N, C-alpha and C. Protein backbone atom coordinates (compact mmCIF):
# COMPACT_ATOMS: atom_id res chain seq x y z
N MET A 1 11.85 1.39 -19.47
CA MET A 1 12.44 2.15 -18.89
C MET A 1 11.72 2.43 -17.08
N SER A 2 12.78 3.05 -16.47
CA SER A 2 11.52 3.11 -15.06
C SER A 2 11.24 4.61 -15.64
N THR A 3 10.45 5.24 -14.60
CA THR A 3 10.00 6.74 -14.34
C THR A 3 11.30 7.82 -14.38
N SER A 4 12.16 6.98 -13.50
CA SER A 4 13.61 7.19 -13.70
C SER A 4 14.83 7.73 -14.71
N GLY A 5 14.05 6.63 -15.69
CA GLY A 5 14.97 6.95 -16.75
C GLY A 5 16.01 5.60 -16.51
N ARG A 6 16.22 4.88 -15.40
CA ARG A 6 17.33 4.20 -15.88
C ARG A 6 16.40 2.84 -15.75
N PRO A 7 17.37 2.01 -16.69
CA PRO A 7 16.70 0.13 -17.56
C PRO A 7 16.13 -0.64 -16.01
N ARG A 8 15.44 -0.90 -16.22
CA ARG A 8 14.34 -1.57 -15.48
C ARG A 8 14.96 -3.64 -15.57
N GLU A 9 15.70 -3.60 -16.15
CA GLU A 9 16.14 -5.29 -16.53
C GLU A 9 16.76 -6.28 -15.30
N PHE A 10 17.46 -5.46 -14.22
CA PHE A 10 17.32 -5.36 -12.87
C PHE A 10 17.03 -5.34 -11.79
N LYS A 11 15.85 -4.98 -11.67
CA LYS A 11 15.36 -4.90 -10.40
C LYS A 11 14.70 -5.75 -10.88
N ASP A 12 15.21 -7.21 -10.53
CA ASP A 12 13.93 -8.04 -9.86
C ASP A 12 14.25 -8.45 -8.76
N VAL A 13 12.95 -9.46 -8.23
CA VAL A 13 12.46 -10.23 -6.58
C VAL A 13 13.58 -10.56 -6.29
N ALA A 14 14.60 -11.22 -7.26
CA ALA A 14 15.90 -12.44 -6.49
C ALA A 14 17.29 -10.74 -6.50
N VAL A 15 16.95 -9.94 -7.21
CA VAL A 15 18.64 -9.03 -7.02
C VAL A 15 18.16 -8.39 -5.56
N ILE A 16 16.91 -8.27 -5.52
CA ILE A 16 16.29 -7.89 -3.99
C ILE A 16 16.42 -8.02 -3.01
N ASP A 17 16.05 -9.55 -3.33
CA ASP A 17 15.69 -10.10 -1.69
C ASP A 17 17.22 -10.67 -1.74
N ALA A 18 18.27 -11.14 -2.23
CA ALA A 18 19.75 -10.98 -2.13
C ALA A 18 20.42 -9.59 -1.26
N ALA A 19 19.87 -8.14 -1.48
CA ALA A 19 20.19 -7.16 -0.88
C ALA A 19 19.89 -7.37 0.70
N ILE A 20 18.72 -7.51 0.43
CA ILE A 20 17.80 -7.76 1.40
C ILE A 20 17.95 -8.88 2.99
N ASP A 21 19.45 -9.95 2.34
CA ASP A 21 20.06 -10.98 2.94
C ASP A 21 20.71 -10.26 3.26
N LEU A 22 21.86 -9.90 2.84
CA LEU A 22 23.40 -9.15 2.60
C LEU A 22 22.79 -7.82 4.20
N PHE A 23 22.59 -6.44 3.20
CA PHE A 23 21.51 -5.88 4.46
C PHE A 23 21.10 -6.28 6.42
N TRP A 24 20.78 -7.30 5.41
CA TRP A 24 20.21 -8.04 7.40
C TRP A 24 21.58 -7.97 8.47
N SER A 25 22.61 -8.97 7.95
CA SER A 25 23.33 -9.71 8.26
C SER A 25 24.40 -8.48 8.22
N LYS A 26 24.75 -7.28 7.86
CA LYS A 26 25.74 -6.37 7.77
C LYS A 26 25.04 -5.25 8.14
N GLY A 27 24.22 -4.72 8.06
CA GLY A 27 23.92 -3.58 7.98
C GLY A 27 23.62 -2.58 6.64
N TYR A 28 22.96 -1.84 7.41
CA TYR A 28 24.15 -0.51 5.77
C TYR A 28 25.94 -0.66 5.93
N GLU A 29 25.83 0.60 6.95
CA GLU A 29 27.41 1.13 6.97
C GLU A 29 28.19 -0.06 6.68
N ALA A 30 27.98 -1.17 7.02
CA ALA A 30 28.98 -2.10 6.56
C ALA A 30 28.77 -3.44 6.12
N CYS A 31 28.11 -2.89 5.37
CA CYS A 31 27.86 -3.21 3.29
C CYS A 31 28.18 -2.56 2.39
N SER A 32 29.48 -3.45 1.54
CA SER A 32 30.54 -2.44 1.04
C SER A 32 29.16 -3.40 -0.69
N THR A 33 29.87 -2.38 -1.54
CA THR A 33 29.21 -2.01 -2.59
C THR A 33 29.98 -3.58 -3.61
N GLN A 34 30.76 -3.80 -3.43
CA GLN A 34 31.52 -5.22 -3.65
C GLN A 34 30.77 -6.45 -3.21
N GLU A 35 30.51 -6.31 -2.21
CA GLU A 35 30.01 -6.92 -1.53
C GLU A 35 28.46 -8.03 -1.79
N LEU A 36 27.73 -6.26 -1.94
CA LEU A 36 26.30 -6.24 -2.89
C LEU A 36 26.59 -6.57 -4.19
N CYS A 37 27.86 -7.19 -5.14
CA CYS A 37 27.94 -7.20 -6.39
C CYS A 37 27.91 -8.50 -6.64
N ASP A 38 28.78 -8.90 -5.17
CA ASP A 38 28.55 -10.16 -4.79
C ASP A 38 27.71 -10.95 -4.78
N ARG A 39 27.11 -10.61 -3.76
CA ARG A 39 25.55 -11.52 -3.10
C ARG A 39 24.86 -11.33 -4.30
N THR A 40 24.82 -9.92 -5.24
CA THR A 40 23.40 -10.17 -5.83
C THR A 40 24.15 -10.88 -8.10
N GLY A 41 25.49 -11.14 -7.95
CA GLY A 41 25.48 -11.64 -9.00
C GLY A 41 25.75 -10.97 -10.12
N LEU A 42 26.06 -8.72 -9.78
CA LEU A 42 25.81 -8.34 -10.52
C LEU A 42 27.02 -7.39 -10.52
N GLY A 43 27.62 -6.94 -11.76
CA GLY A 43 29.00 -6.42 -12.03
C GLY A 43 28.38 -4.47 -11.46
N ARG A 44 29.62 -4.19 -11.10
CA ARG A 44 29.30 -3.09 -10.38
C ARG A 44 28.41 -1.82 -11.33
N GLY A 45 28.76 -1.91 -12.94
CA GLY A 45 27.99 -1.02 -13.39
C GLY A 45 26.74 -2.14 -13.68
N SER A 46 25.93 -2.19 -13.47
CA SER A 46 25.23 -3.09 -13.19
C SER A 46 24.11 -2.42 -12.67
N LEU A 47 24.35 -3.03 -11.54
CA LEU A 47 24.62 -2.59 -9.93
C LEU A 47 23.73 -1.14 -9.84
N TYR A 48 24.74 -0.29 -10.38
CA TYR A 48 24.29 0.97 -10.63
C TYR A 48 23.16 1.77 -11.97
N ASN A 49 23.40 1.18 -12.96
CA ASN A 49 22.71 1.24 -13.57
C ASN A 49 21.32 1.06 -13.46
N ALA A 50 20.87 -0.88 -12.38
CA ALA A 50 19.69 -1.22 -12.22
C ALA A 50 19.53 0.19 -11.51
N PHE A 51 20.44 0.09 -10.21
CA PHE A 51 19.35 0.89 -8.33
C PHE A 51 20.34 2.12 -8.33
N GLY A 52 20.85 3.01 -9.49
CA GLY A 52 21.43 4.50 -9.08
C GLY A 52 22.50 4.13 -7.57
N SER A 53 22.71 3.81 -6.98
CA SER A 53 23.10 3.70 -5.31
C SER A 53 22.93 2.82 -4.40
N LYS A 54 23.75 2.22 -4.32
CA LYS A 54 23.52 1.16 -2.49
C LYS A 54 22.25 2.21 -1.68
N HIS A 55 22.44 3.44 -1.51
CA HIS A 55 21.71 3.52 -0.73
C HIS A 55 19.73 3.70 -1.31
N GLU A 56 19.92 3.65 -2.99
CA GLU A 56 18.67 3.23 -3.05
C GLU A 56 17.93 1.73 -3.44
N LEU A 57 19.26 1.32 -3.71
CA LEU A 57 19.25 -0.53 -2.87
C LEU A 57 18.54 -0.65 -2.05
N TYR A 58 18.89 0.06 -1.27
CA TYR A 58 18.72 0.28 -0.02
C TYR A 58 17.57 0.11 0.75
N GLU A 59 17.03 1.09 0.14
CA GLU A 59 15.55 1.45 0.11
C GLU A 59 14.73 1.03 -0.32
N GLN A 60 15.35 0.13 -1.75
CA GLN A 60 14.15 -0.71 -2.18
C GLN A 60 14.05 -2.54 -1.00
N ALA A 61 15.27 -2.80 -0.47
CA ALA A 61 15.37 -4.00 0.34
C ALA A 61 14.31 -3.79 1.82
N LEU A 62 14.57 -2.86 2.05
CA LEU A 62 13.62 -1.92 3.07
C LEU A 62 12.83 -2.64 2.83
N GLN A 63 12.28 -1.24 1.80
CA GLN A 63 10.42 -1.50 1.47
C GLN A 63 10.23 -2.90 0.77
N ARG A 64 10.64 -3.58 0.13
CA ARG A 64 10.04 -5.38 0.50
C ARG A 64 10.47 -5.44 1.47
N TYR A 65 10.99 -6.13 2.01
CA TYR A 65 11.40 -6.79 4.01
C TYR A 65 10.01 -5.76 4.84
N HIS A 66 9.17 -4.91 5.13
CA HIS A 66 9.11 -4.07 4.99
C HIS A 66 7.53 -3.98 4.37
N GLU A 67 7.15 -4.86 3.19
CA GLU A 67 5.57 -5.03 3.01
C GLU A 67 5.67 -6.56 3.29
N LEU A 68 7.22 -7.60 3.52
CA LEU A 68 6.20 -8.49 3.41
C LEU A 68 6.65 -9.24 4.87
N GLY A 69 7.22 -8.24 5.61
CA GLY A 69 6.53 -8.21 7.25
C GLY A 69 6.04 -8.63 7.54
N ILE A 70 4.96 -6.47 6.90
CA ILE A 70 3.98 -6.29 7.77
C ILE A 70 2.51 -7.07 7.15
N GLU A 71 2.61 -7.72 5.82
CA GLU A 71 1.48 -9.30 4.87
C GLU A 71 1.53 -9.59 5.97
N ALA A 72 2.93 -10.19 6.62
CA ALA A 72 2.61 -11.63 7.34
C ALA A 72 2.14 -11.40 8.88
N GLN A 73 2.52 -10.70 9.62
CA GLN A 73 2.00 -9.28 10.62
C GLN A 73 0.65 -10.01 10.59
N LEU A 74 -0.52 -8.97 9.57
CA LEU A 74 -1.60 -8.52 9.25
C LEU A 74 -2.29 -9.81 8.86
N GLU A 75 -1.96 -10.42 8.77
CA GLU A 75 -2.72 -11.39 8.31
C GLU A 75 -2.84 -12.41 9.40
N ILE A 76 -1.79 -12.39 10.58
CA ILE A 76 -1.35 -12.90 11.58
C ILE A 76 -2.96 -12.04 12.62
N LEU A 77 -2.63 -10.51 12.52
CA LEU A 77 -3.67 -9.99 13.29
C LEU A 77 -5.18 -9.45 13.27
N GLU A 78 -5.86 -10.51 11.41
CA GLU A 78 -6.59 -10.17 11.80
C GLU A 78 -7.75 -12.09 11.24
N ARG A 79 -6.81 -12.74 12.01
CA ARG A 79 -7.61 -13.85 11.70
C ARG A 79 -8.85 -14.09 12.33
N PRO A 80 -9.88 -15.36 12.35
CA PRO A 80 -11.10 -15.32 13.16
C PRO A 80 -11.30 -15.60 13.49
N VAL A 81 -10.73 -15.30 15.38
CA VAL A 81 -10.37 -15.78 15.99
C VAL A 81 -10.22 -14.74 17.16
N SER A 82 -10.30 -15.66 18.99
CA SER A 82 -10.09 -14.39 19.66
C SER A 82 -8.87 -13.33 19.38
N ALA A 83 -9.64 -11.76 19.75
CA ALA A 83 -8.23 -10.79 20.39
C ALA A 83 -6.91 -11.15 20.81
N LYS A 84 -7.53 -12.60 22.32
CA LYS A 84 -6.13 -12.24 22.83
C LYS A 84 -5.43 -13.94 21.93
N GLU A 85 -5.97 -14.82 21.04
CA GLU A 85 -5.20 -15.94 20.58
C GLU A 85 -4.64 -14.88 18.83
N ARG A 86 -5.45 -13.67 18.66
CA ARG A 86 -4.67 -13.14 17.42
C ARG A 86 -3.28 -12.58 17.87
N LEU A 87 -3.19 -11.79 19.24
CA LEU A 87 -1.84 -11.03 20.18
C LEU A 87 -1.28 -12.41 20.05
N THR A 88 -1.42 -13.55 21.13
CA THR A 88 -0.50 -14.51 20.83
C THR A 88 0.49 -14.50 19.33
N GLY A 89 -0.34 -15.04 18.76
CA GLY A 89 0.22 -15.24 17.56
C GLY A 89 1.00 -14.89 17.45
N LEU A 90 0.77 -13.29 17.07
CA LEU A 90 1.48 -12.58 16.41
C LEU A 90 3.10 -12.43 17.50
N LEU A 91 2.94 -12.83 18.43
CA LEU A 91 3.99 -12.38 19.99
C LEU A 91 5.26 -13.90 18.85
N GLU A 92 4.42 -15.06 19.76
CA GLU A 92 5.37 -16.41 19.24
C GLU A 92 6.05 -16.63 17.82
N TRP A 93 4.63 -15.75 16.38
CA TRP A 93 5.62 -15.66 14.71
C TRP A 93 6.92 -15.01 15.38
N ALA A 94 7.26 -13.81 16.40
CA ALA A 94 8.18 -13.54 16.78
C ALA A 94 9.00 -13.78 16.79
N ILE A 95 8.84 -14.63 18.56
CA ILE A 95 9.88 -15.15 18.65
C ILE A 95 10.66 -16.68 18.17
N ASP A 96 9.64 -17.19 16.61
CA ASP A 96 9.82 -18.13 15.93
C ASP A 96 10.85 -17.35 15.05
N ILE A 97 10.44 -16.54 14.61
CA ILE A 97 11.67 -15.91 13.75
C ILE A 97 12.61 -14.93 14.57
N ASP A 98 12.22 -14.81 16.00
CA ASP A 98 13.75 -14.05 16.10
C ASP A 98 14.68 -15.00 16.75
N PHE A 99 14.24 -16.55 17.15
CA PHE A 99 15.40 -17.00 17.62
C PHE A 99 15.92 -17.93 16.56
N SER A 100 15.19 -18.50 14.78
CA SER A 100 14.95 -19.56 13.96
C SER A 100 16.50 -19.17 13.53
N HIS A 101 17.95 -17.63 13.38
CA HIS A 101 19.01 -17.06 12.95
C HIS A 101 20.12 -17.31 13.69
N PRO A 102 21.03 -18.50 13.03
CA PRO A 102 22.13 -18.65 14.89
C PRO A 102 23.01 -17.24 14.95
N ASP A 103 22.44 -16.48 13.21
CA ASP A 103 23.18 -14.81 13.29
C ASP A 103 22.90 -14.00 13.78
N ARG A 104 21.51 -13.89 14.70
CA ARG A 104 21.07 -13.25 16.09
C ARG A 104 20.66 -11.74 14.68
N ARG A 105 19.87 -11.84 13.58
CA ARG A 105 19.63 -11.22 12.94
C ARG A 105 18.09 -10.55 13.17
N GLY A 106 17.27 -11.00 14.02
CA GLY A 106 16.72 -9.67 14.54
C GLY A 106 15.65 -9.47 13.06
N CYS A 107 14.84 -8.26 12.97
CA CYS A 107 13.70 -7.92 12.55
C CYS A 107 14.85 -6.52 11.80
N LEU A 108 15.02 -7.09 9.85
CA LEU A 108 15.88 -5.31 10.03
C LEU A 108 15.22 -4.69 9.78
N VAL A 109 13.97 -3.99 9.87
CA VAL A 109 13.68 -2.70 9.46
C VAL A 109 13.66 -2.45 10.82
N LEU A 110 13.28 -3.10 12.18
CA LEU A 110 14.27 -2.11 13.57
C LEU A 110 15.62 -1.99 13.37
N ASN A 111 16.23 -3.06 13.15
CA ASN A 111 18.14 -2.62 13.00
C ASN A 111 18.25 -1.61 11.78
N ALA A 112 17.69 -0.91 11.43
CA ALA A 112 17.65 -0.22 9.89
C ALA A 112 17.40 1.16 10.73
N ALA A 113 16.28 0.59 12.08
CA ALA A 113 15.81 2.22 12.71
C ALA A 113 16.67 2.88 13.47
N MET A 114 17.95 1.35 14.55
CA MET A 114 18.67 1.79 15.29
C MET A 114 19.94 2.36 14.55
N GLU A 115 19.70 1.33 13.74
CA GLU A 115 21.69 1.97 12.87
C GLU A 115 21.35 3.30 12.26
N ARG A 116 20.12 3.69 12.04
CA ARG A 116 19.68 5.10 11.25
C ARG A 116 19.15 5.90 11.23
N ALA A 117 18.21 5.64 11.82
CA ALA A 117 16.82 6.76 12.63
C ALA A 117 17.13 7.51 12.31
N GLY A 118 17.37 9.06 12.47
CA GLY A 118 17.39 10.36 12.52
C GLY A 118 18.68 11.04 11.59
N ILE A 119 19.00 9.71 10.58
CA ILE A 119 20.12 10.77 9.69
C ILE A 119 20.11 9.88 8.71
N ASP A 120 18.98 9.36 8.17
CA ASP A 120 18.51 8.62 7.45
C ASP A 120 16.53 8.78 7.08
N PRO A 121 16.69 10.00 6.15
CA PRO A 121 14.86 9.90 6.29
C PRO A 121 14.05 9.10 5.76
N VAL A 122 14.60 8.17 4.51
CA VAL A 122 14.37 6.42 4.07
C VAL A 122 13.52 6.34 5.01
N VAL A 123 14.73 5.70 5.87
CA VAL A 123 14.65 4.92 6.99
C VAL A 123 13.37 5.56 7.11
N GLU A 124 13.70 5.92 7.88
CA GLU A 124 12.18 6.68 8.89
C GLU A 124 11.14 6.83 9.00
N ARG A 125 11.07 7.12 6.94
CA ARG A 125 9.49 6.67 5.47
C ARG A 125 9.56 5.50 6.05
N VAL A 126 10.17 4.13 5.61
CA VAL A 126 10.09 3.08 5.78
C VAL A 126 8.97 3.01 7.64
N ILE A 127 10.13 2.62 8.35
CA ILE A 127 9.10 3.15 9.71
C ILE A 127 8.38 3.75 10.23
N GLY A 128 8.48 4.90 9.28
CA GLY A 128 6.80 5.44 10.16
C GLY A 128 5.85 4.95 9.30
N ARG A 129 5.55 3.99 8.68
CA ARG A 129 4.50 2.68 7.44
C ARG A 129 4.21 2.21 8.14
N HIS A 130 5.35 1.21 8.87
CA HIS A 130 5.78 0.15 8.97
C HIS A 130 4.70 -0.41 10.46
N ILE A 131 4.94 0.80 11.42
CA ILE A 131 4.73 1.37 12.86
C ILE A 131 3.29 1.92 12.48
N GLY A 132 2.70 2.64 11.80
CA GLY A 132 1.29 3.25 11.52
C GLY A 132 0.36 1.91 10.76
N PHE A 133 1.22 1.50 9.96
CA PHE A 133 -0.20 0.05 9.50
C PHE A 133 -0.06 -1.66 10.39
N LEU A 134 0.85 -0.92 11.37
CA LEU A 134 1.06 -2.31 12.25
C LEU A 134 -0.03 -1.41 14.23
N GLU A 135 0.12 0.10 14.35
CA GLU A 135 -0.81 0.55 15.59
C GLU A 135 -2.41 0.57 15.14
N GLN A 136 -2.92 0.79 12.99
CA GLN A 136 -4.20 0.46 12.74
C GLN A 136 -5.15 -0.86 12.87
N ALA A 137 -3.34 -1.76 12.87
CA ALA A 137 -4.65 -2.71 13.03
C ALA A 137 -4.38 -3.38 14.08
N LEU A 138 -3.75 -2.80 15.23
CA LEU A 138 -3.99 -3.20 16.44
C LEU A 138 -5.04 -2.90 17.41
N CYS A 139 -5.21 -0.99 16.86
CA CYS A 139 -6.53 -0.44 17.16
C CYS A 139 -7.95 -1.43 16.78
N ARG A 140 -7.70 -1.89 15.67
CA ARG A 140 -8.93 -2.17 15.62
C ARG A 140 -9.41 -3.60 16.22
N LEU A 141 -7.71 -4.33 16.73
CA LEU A 141 -8.08 -5.26 17.36
C LEU A 141 -8.16 -5.01 18.69
N MET A 142 -8.12 -4.15 19.52
CA MET A 142 -8.55 -3.69 21.13
C MET A 142 -9.53 -2.98 20.56
N GLU A 143 -10.07 -2.40 19.71
CA GLU A 143 -12.36 -1.84 19.59
C GLU A 143 -12.83 -3.53 19.29
N ASP A 144 -12.44 -4.16 19.12
CA ASP A 144 -13.59 -5.57 19.05
C ASP A 144 -12.87 -6.22 20.18
N GLY A 145 -12.06 -6.43 20.76
CA GLY A 145 -11.87 -7.33 22.63
C GLY A 145 -13.01 -5.88 23.13
N LEU A 146 -12.64 -4.33 23.17
CA LEU A 146 -13.32 -3.56 23.92
C LEU A 146 -15.22 -4.19 23.99
N ARG A 147 -15.06 -3.90 22.47
CA ARG A 147 -16.55 -4.08 22.26
C ARG A 147 -17.25 -5.59 22.41
N THR A 148 -16.42 -6.43 22.67
CA THR A 148 -17.12 -8.14 22.71
C THR A 148 -17.03 -8.12 24.25
N GLY A 149 -15.74 -6.88 25.27
CA GLY A 149 -15.50 -7.74 26.27
C GLY A 149 -14.64 -8.60 26.56
N GLU A 150 -13.97 -9.11 25.80
CA GLU A 150 -13.10 -10.12 25.79
C GLU A 150 -11.51 -9.11 26.23
N ILE A 151 -11.28 -7.95 26.34
CA ILE A 151 -10.76 -6.73 26.84
C ILE A 151 -11.18 -6.23 27.78
N ARG A 152 -10.67 -6.40 28.79
CA ARG A 152 -11.39 -5.64 30.17
C ARG A 152 -10.88 -4.65 30.59
N ALA A 153 -9.53 -3.99 29.98
CA ALA A 153 -9.29 -3.01 30.80
C ALA A 153 -10.23 -1.83 30.16
N ASP A 154 -9.73 -0.92 31.47
CA ASP A 154 -10.14 0.89 31.16
C ASP A 154 -9.21 1.17 30.53
N ARG A 155 -9.01 1.17 28.89
CA ARG A 155 -8.37 2.60 28.85
C ARG A 155 -8.69 2.46 27.11
N PRO A 156 -8.65 3.42 26.23
CA PRO A 156 -8.79 3.55 24.61
C PRO A 156 -8.10 2.38 24.13
N ALA A 157 -8.46 2.17 23.02
CA ALA A 157 -7.78 0.80 21.85
C ALA A 157 -6.73 1.68 21.62
N LEU A 158 -6.11 3.19 21.17
CA LEU A 158 -4.93 3.97 20.51
C LEU A 158 -3.94 3.15 21.69
N GLU A 159 -4.24 4.00 22.92
CA GLU A 159 -3.26 3.52 24.44
C GLU A 159 -2.78 1.75 24.85
N LEU A 160 -4.10 0.88 24.22
CA LEU A 160 -3.56 -0.60 24.44
C LEU A 160 -2.91 -1.13 22.50
N ALA A 161 -3.05 -0.38 22.22
CA ALA A 161 -2.61 -0.89 21.07
C ALA A 161 -0.84 -1.13 20.98
N ARG A 162 -0.84 0.49 20.98
CA ARG A 162 0.36 1.13 22.21
C ARG A 162 1.96 0.18 23.00
N LEU A 163 0.32 0.88 23.57
CA LEU A 163 0.54 -0.48 25.19
C LEU A 163 2.00 -1.74 24.86
N PHE A 164 0.84 -2.30 23.38
CA PHE A 164 1.42 -3.36 23.58
C PHE A 164 2.49 -3.86 22.05
N MET A 165 2.42 -2.38 21.80
CA MET A 165 3.06 -2.88 20.29
C MET A 165 4.82 -2.08 20.89
N SER A 166 4.91 -2.02 22.51
CA SER A 166 6.39 -1.09 23.07
C SER A 166 6.63 -2.37 23.20
N SER A 167 5.99 -3.36 24.39
CA SER A 167 6.21 -5.00 24.07
C SER A 167 7.56 -5.76 23.76
N TYR A 168 5.89 -5.31 22.22
CA TYR A 168 5.99 -6.58 20.98
C TYR A 168 7.75 -5.54 20.11
N HIS A 169 7.58 -4.63 20.33
CA HIS A 169 9.05 -3.91 19.81
C HIS A 169 10.43 -4.24 20.97
N GLY A 170 10.26 -4.12 22.75
CA GLY A 170 10.96 -4.70 23.33
C GLY A 170 11.36 -6.30 23.37
N LEU A 171 10.16 -7.25 22.58
CA LEU A 171 10.61 -8.52 23.03
C LEU A 171 11.51 -8.66 22.40
N ARG A 172 11.07 -8.02 20.50
CA ARG A 172 12.26 -8.31 19.75
C ARG A 172 13.68 -8.13 19.76
N PHE A 173 13.23 -6.81 20.57
CA PHE A 173 15.48 -6.10 20.60
C PHE A 173 15.80 -7.03 21.30
N LEU A 174 15.33 -7.80 22.47
CA LEU A 174 15.86 -8.29 23.07
C LEU A 174 15.96 -9.57 22.89
N ASN A 175 14.60 -10.03 22.33
CA ASN A 175 15.59 -11.78 20.99
C ASN A 175 16.88 -11.34 21.04
N LYS A 176 16.63 -10.47 19.97
CA LYS A 176 17.86 -10.73 19.46
C LYS A 176 18.95 -10.07 19.97
N SER A 177 19.25 -9.94 21.28
CA SER A 177 20.63 -9.12 21.95
C SER A 177 20.73 -10.53 23.00
N THR A 178 19.44 -11.14 24.03
CA THR A 178 19.89 -11.73 24.51
C THR A 178 19.98 -13.78 23.73
N GLN A 179 18.87 -13.78 22.76
CA GLN A 179 18.16 -14.97 22.61
C GLN A 179 17.75 -15.99 23.91
N ASN A 180 17.20 -14.95 24.74
CA ASN A 180 16.67 -15.75 25.79
C ASN A 180 15.12 -16.26 25.54
N ARG A 181 14.72 -17.85 25.65
CA ARG A 181 14.19 -17.51 25.15
C ARG A 181 12.59 -18.04 26.09
N GLU A 182 13.60 -17.92 28.03
CA GLU A 182 13.13 -18.39 28.44
C GLU A 182 12.19 -16.72 29.52
N MET A 183 12.79 -15.84 28.96
CA MET A 183 12.68 -14.87 28.89
C MET A 183 11.37 -14.12 28.64
N ALA A 184 11.81 -14.57 26.44
CA ALA A 184 11.27 -14.20 25.76
C ALA A 184 9.30 -14.57 26.04
N MET A 185 9.16 -15.76 26.72
CA MET A 185 8.07 -16.59 27.44
C MET A 185 7.11 -15.54 28.29
N HIS A 186 8.27 -14.69 28.90
CA HIS A 186 7.69 -13.83 30.25
C HIS A 186 6.81 -13.10 30.41
N ILE A 187 7.50 -12.07 28.66
CA ILE A 187 7.68 -11.27 28.51
C ILE A 187 6.05 -11.41 27.64
N VAL A 188 5.60 -12.21 27.01
CA VAL A 188 4.76 -12.44 26.02
C VAL A 188 3.70 -12.66 27.20
N GLU A 189 3.69 -13.51 28.66
CA GLU A 189 2.47 -13.68 29.45
C GLU A 189 2.06 -12.21 30.10
N ALA A 190 3.40 -11.00 30.60
CA ALA A 190 2.93 -10.06 31.30
C ALA A 190 2.18 -9.53 30.15
N THR A 191 2.96 -9.04 29.22
CA THR A 191 1.81 -8.25 27.89
C THR A 191 0.58 -8.57 27.93
N LEU A 192 0.33 -9.74 28.06
CA LEU A 192 -1.42 -10.56 27.44
C LEU A 192 -2.07 -10.26 29.35
N ALA A 193 -1.23 -10.50 29.60
CA ALA A 193 -1.87 -10.09 31.54
C ALA A 193 -1.68 -8.17 31.30
N ALA A 194 -1.16 -8.06 31.28
CA ALA A 194 -1.44 -6.33 31.44
C ALA A 194 -2.63 -5.58 30.08
N ILE A 195 -3.67 -7.09 29.36
CA ILE A 195 -4.95 -6.71 28.35
C ILE A 195 -5.64 -7.00 28.00
N PHE A 196 -5.58 -8.42 29.34
CA PHE A 196 -6.89 -9.34 28.76
C PHE A 196 -7.56 -9.47 30.65
């Protein structure tokens, strides 16, 4: 039994991943409980017994997506290569993901922020964690680059990290909305030029 008293037998990765896929494609509001049942293979009663509500399943889906996404991003930012190679790697990773889906799904965390920030404390909490982890990793990277002299900008590490994050998230939004690879590559070049 879970701490909330509901049975856990359906709370497996496959069900949550199926929900991620649907929320990622349709967003929260446009996704019906019946569509979740169809996609996960659970009956309505089983879905509610296992997760309590559509919103609780959304929270678990968003949290799992965040955990997988931040793990992949931190892995790139912590590679034993130069700061510039790590930042380039993260930007190229984003472009590869954003251009790989013909339905322009973008990033589920950013989609959730655009759809529900300001009205959904769960979304704000997950977004806050996601941004926090990324900011910390970028600060460490900028500090390393400043210490070694690879980054010559006369700005504090936190300011550089936030400058990069604004370009990075702007890039992801534009990738989803325009699917313009040439524009994406220009943003990558300009972002790196502003730091190195």
